[in-house]
Amino acid sequence: PSPPADCSYHHLLALSSEAEGAGSDGHALQLCVKATAAATDTFGASSAAASECEAFTEALADRHVARMELSEAHRLRGNAAFGKQDFAAAEACYDEALSLTPKDAAALTNRAACLLKRSAWEAALADAELAIRVDPKRVKATYRGSQALLALERPLGARLMLDAALGRHPTGPERKSLEQLGVQVDAALASGAAQASASAADAWSTPPALSDADADAEEEEQ
């Protein structure tokens, strides 16, 4: 939401609370800064209004930190469940993490892996695309989004997604995994017919260059 025309501090704090409720803590904190400035300009730095703004800002920041910590705990439990191949439990953990931090690129990428396991191609693609928008350098999100596009018989989209990631010059195993998936994509393009979902699922049971444990539940990416 945009600040009201009068930019009074209490309206700005109300907007901040609304932004926090919508999962936009960054915007909420920006509004708190504006509220503090408005209160200071109008009533003075030592006024009750300025103190109210500062207290509101501190409380919001504390809630943000607590939410991030709880989200991380859910995400790590999801990684552990995925490592045990309990994909339903892993997906539930990532759901909990994302309910707290909706734009967590790591949780989105890992949930996309769970969705691929149960052939929920459209949902996996949506998670991967959002993860890429949040963090364009997240190669694993590109890999999973390309897998979903190939399963959806959209190899051109998969090729474009891979090319965008390769254009960011990833190195080592990540680049190799993208290039190897690109071979499958190019084969689908050359044949003029994309892989069917069932055969795609078979082909991706062990993604090239990345094991399930590394690609789908690697804690160091969190």
Protein backbone atom coordinates (compact mmCIF):
# COMPACT_ATOMS: atom_id res chain seq x y z
CA PRO A 1 0.00 0.00 0.00
CA SER A 2 1.04 3.61 -0.64
CA PRO A 3 1.27 6.13 2.19
CA PRO A 4 -1.79 8.40 2.53
CA ALA A 5 -1.59 11.98 1.31
CA ASP A 6 -1.18 13.40 4.81
CA CYS A 7 1.56 10.87 5.75
CA SER A 8 0.60 11.15 9.41
CA TYR A 9 2.60 8.81 11.56
CA HIS A 10 -0.40 6.84 12.87
CA HIS A 11 -1.59 6.15 9.31
CA LEU A 12 1.91 5.04 8.36
CA LEU A 13 2.05 2.68 11.34
CA ALA A 14 -1.33 1.24 10.33
CA LEU A 15 0.00 0.65 6.83
CA SER A 16 3.11 -0.94 8.30
CA SER A 17 0.98 -3.37 10.29
CA GLU A 18 -0.99 -4.17 7.13
CA ALA A 19 2.22 -4.77 5.17
CA GLU A 20 3.54 -7.08 7.90
CA GLY A 21 0.29 -9.04 7.83
CA ALA A 22 0.71 -9.47 4.07
CA GLY A 23 4.18 -10.96 4.60
CA SER A 24 6.13 -7.89 3.49
CA ASP A 25 8.34 -7.12 6.46
CA GLY A 26 10.78 -5.09 4.40
CA HIS A 27 8.05 -2.71 3.27
CA ALA A 28 6.65 -2.59 6.80
CA LEU A 29 9.99 -1.47 8.20
CA GLN A 30 10.33 1.19 5.50
CA LEU A 31 6.94 2.56 6.51
CA CYS A 32 8.07 2.57 10.16
CA VAL A 33 11.05 4.72 9.21
CA LYS A 34 8.71 7.15 7.44
CA ALA A 35 6.37 7.14 10.43
CA THR A 36 9.22 7.99 12.79
CA ALA A 37 10.35 10.82 10.51
CA ALA A 38 6.80 12.17 10.30
CA ALA A 39 6.37 12.03 14.08
CA THR A 40 9.74 13.67 14.66
CA ASP A 41 9.06 16.47 12.16
CA THR A 42 5.62 17.17 13.63
CA PHE A 43 6.10 16.61 17.36
CA GLY A 44 9.86 16.46 17.95
CA ALA A 45 12.34 13.64 18.49
CA SER A 46 11.58 13.36 22.20
CA SER A 47 7.81 13.30 21.77
CA ALA A 48 5.48 10.47 22.75
CA ALA A 49 4.62 10.05 19.04
CA ALA A 50 8.27 9.45 18.11
CA SER A 51 8.67 7.03 21.01
CA GLU A 52 5.58 5.14 19.85
CA CYS A 53 7.05 4.79 16.38
CA GLU A 54 10.37 3.55 17.73
CA ALA A 55 8.67 0.98 19.98
CA PHE A 56 6.49 -0.23 17.10
CA THR A 57 9.57 -0.58 14.89
CA GLU A 58 11.49 -2.57 17.50
CA ALA A 59 8.54 -4.91 18.07
CA LEU A 60 8.12 -5.46 14.33
CA ALA A 61 11.82 -6.23 13.94
CA ASP A 62 11.66 -8.71 16.83
CA ARG A 63 8.66 -10.45 15.26
CA HIS A 64 10.48 -10.57 11.93
CA VAL A 65 13.54 -12.25 13.48
CA ALA A 66 11.37 -14.77 15.35
CA ARG A 67 9.45 -15.57 12.15
CA MET A 68 12.67 -16.10 10.19
CA GLU A 69 14.07 -18.43 12.87
CA LEU A 70 10.89 -20.52 13.02
CA SER A 71 10.74 -20.69 9.22
CA GLU A 72 14.33 -21.93 9.10
CA ALA A 73 13.53 -24.63 11.66
CA HIS A 74 10.63 -25.89 9.52
CA ARG A 75 12.84 -25.81 6.42
CA LEU A 76 15.58 -27.85 8.07
CA ARG A 77 13.03 -30.43 9.22
CA GLY A 78 11.85 -30.60 5.63
CA ASN A 79 15.40 -31.27 4.47
CA ALA A 80 15.72 -34.10 6.98
CA ALA A 81 12.41 -35.64 5.87
CA PHE A 82 13.43 -35.39 2.22
CA GLY A 83 16.69 -37.11 3.01
CA LYS A 84 14.61 -40.01 4.35
CA GLN A 85 12.49 -39.92 1.17
CA ASP A 86 9.42 -38.92 3.17
CA PHE A 87 8.36 -36.43 0.54
CA ALA A 88 4.89 -35.75 1.95
CA ALA A 89 6.35 -34.79 5.33
CA ALA A 90 9.03 -32.70 3.66
CA GLU A 91 6.45 -30.82 1.61
CA ALA A 92 4.39 -30.15 4.74
CA CYS A 93 7.45 -28.69 6.47
CA TYR A 94 8.19 -26.44 3.51
CA ASP A 95 4.53 -25.35 3.53
CA GLU A 96 4.95 -24.30 7.16
CA ALA A 97 8.16 -22.43 6.36
CA LEU A 98 6.54 -20.58 3.47
CA SER A 99 3.50 -19.65 5.54
CA LEU A 100 5.94 -17.62 7.64
CA THR A 101 8.30 -16.40 4.90
CA PRO A 102 6.43 -16.57 1.57
CA LYS A 103 9.40 -15.40 -0.49
CA ASP A 104 12.03 -17.76 0.93
CA ALA A 105 13.79 -18.88 -2.26
CA ALA A 106 15.39 -21.92 -0.59
CA ALA A 107 12.09 -23.23 0.77
CA LEU A 108 10.37 -22.58 -2.56
CA THR A 109 13.10 -24.45 -4.42
CA ASN A 110 12.95 -27.40 -2.05
CA ARG A 111 9.16 -27.56 -2.15
CA ALA A 112 9.39 -27.61 -5.95
CA ALA A 113 11.51 -30.76 -5.58
CA CYS A 114 8.75 -32.38 -3.51
CA LEU A 115 6.13 -31.39 -6.06
CA LEU A 116 8.20 -32.90 -8.87
CA LYS A 117 8.32 -36.16 -6.94
CA ARG A 118 4.53 -36.41 -7.11
CA SER A 119 4.28 -35.11 -10.69
CA ALA A 120 2.63 -31.83 -9.70
CA TRP A 121 4.31 -30.10 -12.62
CA GLU A 122 2.38 -26.80 -12.65
CA ALA A 123 2.79 -26.26 -8.91
CA ALA A 124 6.49 -27.13 -9.10
CA LEU A 125 6.95 -24.65 -11.94
CA ALA A 126 5.17 -21.91 -9.98
CA ASP A 127 7.45 -22.43 -6.96
CA ALA A 128 10.56 -22.53 -9.12
CA GLU A 129 9.62 -19.38 -11.02
CA LEU A 130 8.95 -17.46 -7.80
CA ALA A 131 12.26 -18.67 -6.35
CA ILE A 132 14.04 -17.42 -9.49
CA ARG A 133 12.35 -14.02 -9.23
CA VAL A 134 13.44 -13.75 -5.60
CA ASP A 135 16.96 -15.06 -6.26
CA PRO A 136 17.91 -15.15 -9.97
CA LYS A 137 21.20 -16.89 -9.17
CA ARG A 138 19.53 -19.91 -7.55
CA VAL A 139 20.55 -22.54 -10.09
CA LYS A 140 18.60 -25.35 -8.44
CA ALA A 141 15.38 -23.38 -8.93
CA THR A 142 16.17 -23.11 -12.65
CA TYR A 143 16.93 -26.82 -12.82
CA ARG A 144 13.60 -27.75 -11.24
CA GLY A 145 11.63 -25.22 -13.24
CA SER A 146 13.14 -26.61 -16.42
CA GLN A 147 12.26 -30.14 -15.34
CA ALA A 148 8.66 -29.06 -14.83
CA LEU A 149 8.51 -27.31 -18.20
CA LEU A 150 9.88 -30.38 -19.96
CA ALA A 151 7.29 -32.57 -18.24
CA LEU A 152 4.59 -30.11 -19.33
CA GLU A 153 5.76 -30.55 -22.94
CA ARG A 154 7.14 -27.03 -23.08
CA PRO A 155 10.78 -27.68 -24.07
CA LEU A 156 11.25 -24.22 -25.60
CA GLY A 157 10.39 -22.64 -22.25
CA ALA A 158 12.81 -25.03 -20.56
CA ARG A 159 15.54 -24.08 -23.03
CA LEU A 160 14.98 -20.36 -22.42
CA MET A 161 15.05 -20.86 -18.65
CA LEU A 162 18.29 -22.84 -18.85
CA ASP A 163 19.89 -20.27 -21.16
CA ALA A 164 19.04 -17.46 -18.75
CA ALA A 165 20.74 -19.34 -15.91
CA LEU A 166 23.77 -20.27 -18.02
CA GLY A 167 24.08 -16.61 -18.98
CA ARG A 168 24.76 -15.85 -15.32
CA HIS A 169 27.91 -17.99 -15.62
CA PRO A 170 27.43 -20.66 -12.95
CA THR A 171 30.51 -22.76 -12.31
CA GLY A 172 31.33 -26.34 -11.39
CA PRO A 173 28.65 -29.00 -10.79
CA GLU A 174 25.79 -26.52 -11.13
CA ARG A 175 26.78 -25.60 -14.69
CA LYS A 176 27.30 -29.25 -15.55
CA SER A 177 23.85 -30.20 -14.26
CA LEU A 178 22.21 -27.45 -16.33
CA GLU A 179 24.09 -28.49 -19.44
CA GLN A 180 23.18 -32.14 -18.99
CA LEU A 181 19.51 -31.30 -18.55
CA GLY A 182 19.88 -29.12 -21.64
CA VAL A 183 20.76 -32.23 -23.64
CA GLN A 184 17.33 -33.67 -22.80
CA VAL A 185 15.64 -30.38 -23.62
CA ASP A 186 17.43 -30.09 -26.97
CA ALA A 187 16.50 -33.66 -27.84
CA ALA A 188 12.85 -32.83 -27.20
CA LEU A 189 13.12 -29.72 -29.36
CA ALA A 190 14.87 -31.60 -32.16
CA SER A 191 12.32 -34.38 -32.24
CA GLY A 192 9.46 -31.92 -32.32
CA ALA A 193 7.69 -33.72 -29.49
CA ALA A 194 8.27 -33.21 -25.78
CA GLN A 195 8.70 -36.09 -23.37
CA ALA A 196 5.51 -37.42 -21.81
CA SER A 197 5.20 -36.77 -18.09
CA ALA A 198 5.71 -40.42 -17.15
CA SER A 199 8.96 -40.82 -19.06
CA ALA A 200 10.16 -37.46 -17.75
CA ALA A 201 9.61 -38.63 -14.20
CA ASP A 202 11.69 -41.72 -14.89
CA ALA A 203 14.46 -39.68 -16.47
CA TRP A 204 14.67 -37.41 -13.43
CA SER A 205 14.61 -40.04 -10.70
CA THR A 206 18.33 -39.27 -10.30
CA PRO A 207 19.03 -35.77 -11.69
CA PRO A 208 22.34 -35.53 -13.59
CA ALA A 209 25.33 -34.40 -11.54
CA LEU A 210 23.23 -33.97 -8.40
CA SER A 211 22.00 -36.73 -6.13
CA ASP A 212 18.63 -36.41 -4.41
CA ALA A 213 20.34 -35.61 -1.12
CA ASP A 214 22.48 -32.91 -2.75
CA ALA A 215 19.94 -31.45 -5.15
CA ASP A 216 16.84 -31.56 -3.03
CA ALA A 217 17.81 -31.38 0.63
CA GLU A 218 21.28 -29.89 0.82
CA GLU A 219 21.37 -27.87 3.99
CA GLU A 220 24.14 -25.55 2.85
CA GLU A 221 21.80 -23.91 0.33
CA GLN A 222 19.42 -22.83 3.10
